[in-house]
Amino acid sequence: MSFTDKVRNKTENAVGVAKEKTGEATGDRELQAEGKAEQSKAALKDAGEKLKDAVGNVKDALGGSKS
């Protein structure tokens, strides 16, 4: 996972947390749900990036790609 991807995912998660908390404080359920959705989206992207890294590590451990 590139540094830029990590920063984007962390930023998206932070925005989601802020929206969720603002929605809770103001009673805006729609904003709260939007914040939770952004957090979930960021977590899913992060998991995908980690999976790509793991596959790359396995390929490297097995001697790279042999096409």
Protein backbone atom coordinates (compact mmCIF):
# COMPACT_ATOMS: atom_id res chain seq x y z
CA MET A 1 0.00 0.00 0.00
CA SER A 2 1.44 3.31 -0.96
CA PHE A 3 1.82 6.09 1.56
CA THR A 4 -0.65 8.18 -0.43
CA ASP A 5 -3.31 5.44 -0.24
CA LYS A 6 -2.80 5.15 3.51
CA VAL A 7 -3.22 8.90 3.96
CA ARG A 8 -6.34 8.95 1.76
CA ASN A 9 -7.93 6.09 3.69
CA LYS A 10 -7.11 7.65 7.08
CA THR A 11 -8.46 11.01 5.90
CA GLU A 12 -11.66 9.45 4.60
CA ASN A 13 -12.09 7.63 7.91
CA ALA A 14 -11.48 10.84 9.90
CA VAL A 15 -14.06 12.72 7.82
CA GLY A 16 -16.50 9.88 8.44
CA VAL A 17 -15.91 10.03 12.20
CA ALA A 18 -16.41 13.80 12.17
CA LYS A 19 -19.68 13.49 10.23
CA GLU A 20 -20.93 10.71 12.51
CA LYS A 21 -20.15 12.70 15.67
CA THR A 22 -21.66 15.89 14.23
CA GLY A 23 -24.77 13.95 13.28
CA GLU A 24 -24.99 12.53 16.81
CA ALA A 25 -24.56 15.97 18.38
CA THR A 26 -27.15 17.65 16.16
CA GLY A 27 -29.61 14.78 15.95
CA ASP A 28 -29.07 14.52 12.18
CA ARG A 29 -29.44 10.79 11.56
CA GLU A 30 -28.71 11.16 7.85
CA LEU A 31 -25.35 12.83 8.52
CA GLN A 32 -24.59 10.23 11.16
CA ALA A 33 -25.32 7.40 8.70
CA GLU A 34 -23.25 9.11 6.02
CA GLY A 35 -20.32 9.27 8.42
CA LYS A 36 -20.61 5.59 9.27
CA ALA A 37 -20.77 4.74 5.57
CA GLU A 38 -17.59 6.73 4.87
CA GLN A 39 -15.82 4.92 7.70
CA SER A 40 -16.90 1.56 6.30
CA LYS A 41 -15.77 2.54 2.82
CA ALA A 42 -12.36 3.61 4.13
CA ALA A 43 -11.98 0.37 6.09
CA LEU A 44 -12.88 -1.68 3.02
CA LYS A 45 -10.34 0.18 0.89
CA ASP A 46 -7.71 -0.31 3.59
CA ALA A 47 -8.44 -4.05 3.72
CA GLY A 48 -8.16 -4.28 -0.07
CA GLU A 49 -4.80 -2.52 -0.04
CA LYS A 50 -3.55 -4.83 2.71
CA LEU A 51 -4.67 -7.84 0.70
CA LYS A 52 -2.79 -6.58 -2.37
CA ASP A 53 0.31 -6.13 -0.20
CA ALA A 54 -0.04 -9.65 1.20
CA VAL A 55 -0.39 -11.18 -2.28
CA GLY A 56 2.68 -9.26 -3.40
CA ASN A 57 4.62 -10.54 -0.40
CA VAL A 58 3.61 -14.13 -1.15
CA LYS A 59 4.64 -13.73 -4.79
CA ASP A 60 7.99 -12.33 -3.66
CA ALA A 61 8.48 -15.20 -1.20
CA LEU A 62 7.77 -17.72 -3.96
CA GLY A 63 10.28 -16.15 -6.29
CA GLY A 64 8.16 -13.62 -8.11
CA SER A 65 5.82 -14.22 -11.00
CA LYS A 66 6.70 -17.03 -13.37
CA SER A 67 4.50 -16.47 -16.39
